[in-house]
Amino acid sequence: MTAIATPPRTTRERPQPTRPLYEIHIAQHREVGLELSIWELPSPATPRLSAPESVGTLHGRALDILESRLLRRMREVGARLGGMRVGDERRYELEEDQALTLALLFRTLAPMRSLDRIRMVADGIERMSREEAGYWLGMAVHRRNPRRVLASLRLLLSAS
């Protein structure tokens, strides 16, 4: 029996990711203040992407209401929100589970104004399983009328 010699691995070679890659961008703007955005990055797991794609963004009142919840999630990622000046932007890698939930949360809550409904919908999204959040986010991103999908989700979560 002969052993097959494999060439040594160079330091430049990296194993290709088998899952989609996500980042959260945290920016401080003059007009809207703090803004959080989830971006899906090109990878072998997402061949349809040739450039980073924004999956969800949140700023303004909804962000202010959810700030304490989001601060906890940002600490899990290692992100810091404090000490940012106008024009600053920071980027942090996200696990797929975190990205799905945050992107769905951002897309669903962005147009909402009612404090009680924002809290109810946010609670419902945070209770979702990874598969359920992925389903709703996929519907919201890839449908012809994503506003209808998000309106349905808001209605379902605020009626329960």
Protein backbone atom coordinates (compact mmCIF):
# COMPACT_ATOMS: atom_id res chain seq x y z
CA MET A 1 0.00 0.00 0.00
CA THR A 2 1.47 3.34 -1.00
CA ALA A 3 0.72 6.60 0.69
CA ILE A 4 -0.42 9.47 -1.46
CA ALA A 5 1.56 12.60 -0.78
CA THR A 6 -0.48 15.78 -0.55
CA PRO A 7 1.17 19.11 -1.23
CA PRO A 8 1.68 21.25 1.87
CA ARG A 9 -0.90 23.92 2.41
CA THR A 10 0.27 27.45 1.83
CA THR A 11 -0.64 30.23 4.22
CA ARG A 12 -2.64 32.00 1.51
CA GLU A 13 -5.10 29.14 1.06
CA ARG A 14 -8.23 29.42 3.15
CA PRO A 15 -10.99 26.89 3.39
CA GLN A 16 -14.01 28.16 1.45
CA PRO A 17 -16.99 29.04 3.64
CA THR A 18 -19.98 26.77 3.19
CA ARG A 19 -22.40 29.25 4.74
CA PRO A 20 -23.42 32.73 3.69
CA LEU A 21 -21.28 35.55 5.11
CA TYR A 22 -22.82 38.55 6.86
CA GLU A 23 -21.58 41.80 8.37
CA ILE A 24 -23.20 44.48 10.44
CA HIS A 25 -22.26 48.05 9.58
CA ILE A 26 -22.68 50.62 12.32
CA ALA A 27 -22.55 54.22 11.14
CA GLN A 28 -23.11 57.63 12.67
CA HIS A 29 -24.77 60.10 10.28
CA ARG A 30 -25.58 63.76 10.72
CA GLU A 31 -29.14 63.43 9.36
CA VAL A 32 -30.40 60.17 10.92
CA GLY A 33 -27.99 59.60 13.80
CA LEU A 34 -26.97 56.02 14.51
CA GLU A 35 -27.71 53.52 11.73
CA LEU A 36 -27.33 49.73 11.80
CA SER A 37 -27.24 47.76 8.52
CA ILE A 38 -26.94 44.05 7.82
CA TRP A 39 -25.02 43.14 4.64
CA GLU A 40 -24.72 39.77 2.92
CA LEU A 41 -21.29 39.29 1.38
CA PRO A 42 -20.37 37.33 -1.75
CA SER A 43 -19.17 33.82 -0.99
CA PRO A 44 -19.25 30.36 -2.58
CA ALA A 45 -22.44 29.73 -0.60
CA THR A 46 -24.15 32.67 -2.34
CA PRO A 47 -23.11 32.53 -6.02
CA ARG A 48 -25.86 34.98 -7.04
CA LEU A 49 -24.00 37.81 -5.29
CA SER A 50 -21.17 39.57 -7.04
CA ALA A 51 -21.10 42.51 -4.59
CA PRO A 52 -22.24 43.00 -0.99
CA GLU A 53 -26.02 43.38 -0.67
CA SER A 54 -27.89 45.26 2.04
CA VAL A 55 -30.44 42.99 3.69
CA GLY A 56 -31.86 45.34 6.32
CA THR A 57 -31.29 48.77 7.85
CA LEU A 58 -32.62 50.41 11.00
CA HIS A 59 -32.28 53.95 12.32
CA GLY A 60 -34.39 56.59 13.98
CA ARG A 61 -37.24 55.98 16.41
CA ALA A 62 -37.42 52.19 16.04
CA LEU A 63 -33.69 51.95 16.76
CA ASP A 64 -34.10 54.18 19.82
CA ILE A 65 -36.87 51.94 21.15
CA LEU A 66 -34.89 48.74 20.65
CA GLU A 67 -31.52 50.13 21.68
CA SER A 68 -31.20 48.10 24.89
CA ARG A 69 -32.07 44.83 23.10
CA LEU A 70 -29.67 45.60 20.28
CA LEU A 71 -26.86 46.61 22.65
CA ARG A 72 -27.03 43.12 24.17
CA ARG A 73 -26.80 41.52 20.73
CA MET A 74 -23.97 43.84 19.70
CA ARG A 75 -21.96 42.83 22.78
CA GLU A 76 -22.33 39.17 21.72
CA VAL A 77 -20.73 40.09 18.39
CA GLY A 78 -18.05 42.22 20.02
CA ALA A 79 -19.38 45.45 18.52
CA ARG A 80 -19.12 48.77 20.30
CA LEU A 81 -21.64 51.53 19.63
CA GLY A 82 -20.24 54.20 21.92
CA GLY A 83 -17.81 56.97 21.04
CA MET A 84 -18.79 57.25 17.39
CA ARG A 85 -18.51 60.61 15.65
CA VAL A 86 -20.43 61.78 12.62
CA GLY A 87 -19.01 60.01 9.58
CA ASP A 88 -17.61 57.04 11.53
CA GLU A 89 -18.44 53.52 10.35
CA ARG A 90 -17.57 50.18 11.93
CA ARG A 91 -18.03 46.67 10.53
CA TYR A 92 -18.33 43.38 12.38
CA GLU A 93 -18.84 39.82 11.18
CA LEU A 94 -22.11 38.12 12.10
CA GLU A 95 -23.12 34.51 12.41
CA GLU A 96 -25.93 33.51 10.06
CA ASP A 97 -28.47 33.03 12.87
CA GLN A 98 -27.83 36.51 14.26
CA ALA A 99 -27.91 38.08 10.79
CA LEU A 100 -31.23 36.48 9.85
CA THR A 101 -32.96 37.64 13.00
CA LEU A 102 -31.49 41.15 12.94
CA ALA A 103 -32.18 41.68 9.22
CA LEU A 104 -35.79 40.55 9.63
CA LEU A 105 -36.14 42.76 12.68
CA PHE A 106 -34.71 45.77 10.82
CA ARG A 107 -36.86 45.27 7.71
CA THR A 108 -40.05 44.70 9.67
CA LEU A 109 -39.67 47.53 12.19
CA ALA A 110 -38.22 50.26 9.98
CA PRO A 111 -41.54 51.86 8.91
CA MET A 112 -43.38 51.30 12.20
CA ARG A 113 -44.26 54.15 14.58
CA SER A 114 -46.43 52.66 17.35
CA LEU A 115 -44.34 51.88 20.43
CA ASP A 116 -46.55 49.03 21.58
CA ARG A 117 -46.67 47.39 18.16
CA ILE A 118 -42.90 47.75 17.73
CA ARG A 119 -42.34 45.94 21.03
CA MET A 120 -44.86 43.19 20.19
CA VAL A 121 -43.41 42.55 16.73
CA ALA A 122 -39.82 42.62 18.06
CA ASP A 123 -40.75 40.08 20.76
CA GLY A 124 -42.32 37.81 18.13
CA ILE A 125 -39.31 37.97 15.83
CA GLU A 126 -36.90 37.26 18.68
CA ARG A 127 -38.92 34.14 19.59
CA MET A 128 -38.72 32.79 16.01
CA SER A 129 -36.58 29.79 15.18
CA ARG A 130 -33.73 30.17 12.71
CA GLU A 131 -35.77 28.45 10.00
CA GLU A 132 -38.83 30.65 10.53
CA ALA A 133 -36.76 33.85 10.48
CA GLY A 134 -35.00 32.64 7.33
CA TYR A 135 -38.34 31.90 5.66
CA TRP A 136 -39.80 35.33 6.41
CA LEU A 137 -36.61 37.15 5.44
CA GLY A 138 -36.42 35.22 2.17
CA MET A 139 -40.03 36.16 1.45
CA ALA A 140 -39.29 39.81 2.24
CA VAL A 141 -36.15 39.95 0.11
CA HIS A 142 -37.08 37.90 -2.94
CA ARG A 143 -40.78 38.62 -3.50
CA ARG A 144 -42.17 41.06 -6.01
CA ASN A 145 -44.11 42.92 -3.28
CA PRO A 146 -42.05 42.64 -0.09
CA ARG A 147 -44.14 45.35 1.60
CA ARG A 148 -47.13 42.97 1.59
CA VAL A 149 -45.07 40.19 3.15
CA LEU A 150 -43.77 42.50 5.88
CA ALA A 151 -47.25 43.95 6.50
CA SER A 152 -48.59 40.38 6.91
CA LEU A 153 -45.82 39.54 9.36
CA ARG A 154 -46.50 42.72 11.37
CA LEU A 155 -50.19 41.87 11.49
CA LEU A 156 -49.56 38.27 12.58
CA LEU A 157 -47.13 39.24 15.32
CA SER A 158 -49.09 42.18 16.70
CA ALA A 159 -52.40 40.30 16.78
CA SER A 160 -51.12 37.41 18.88
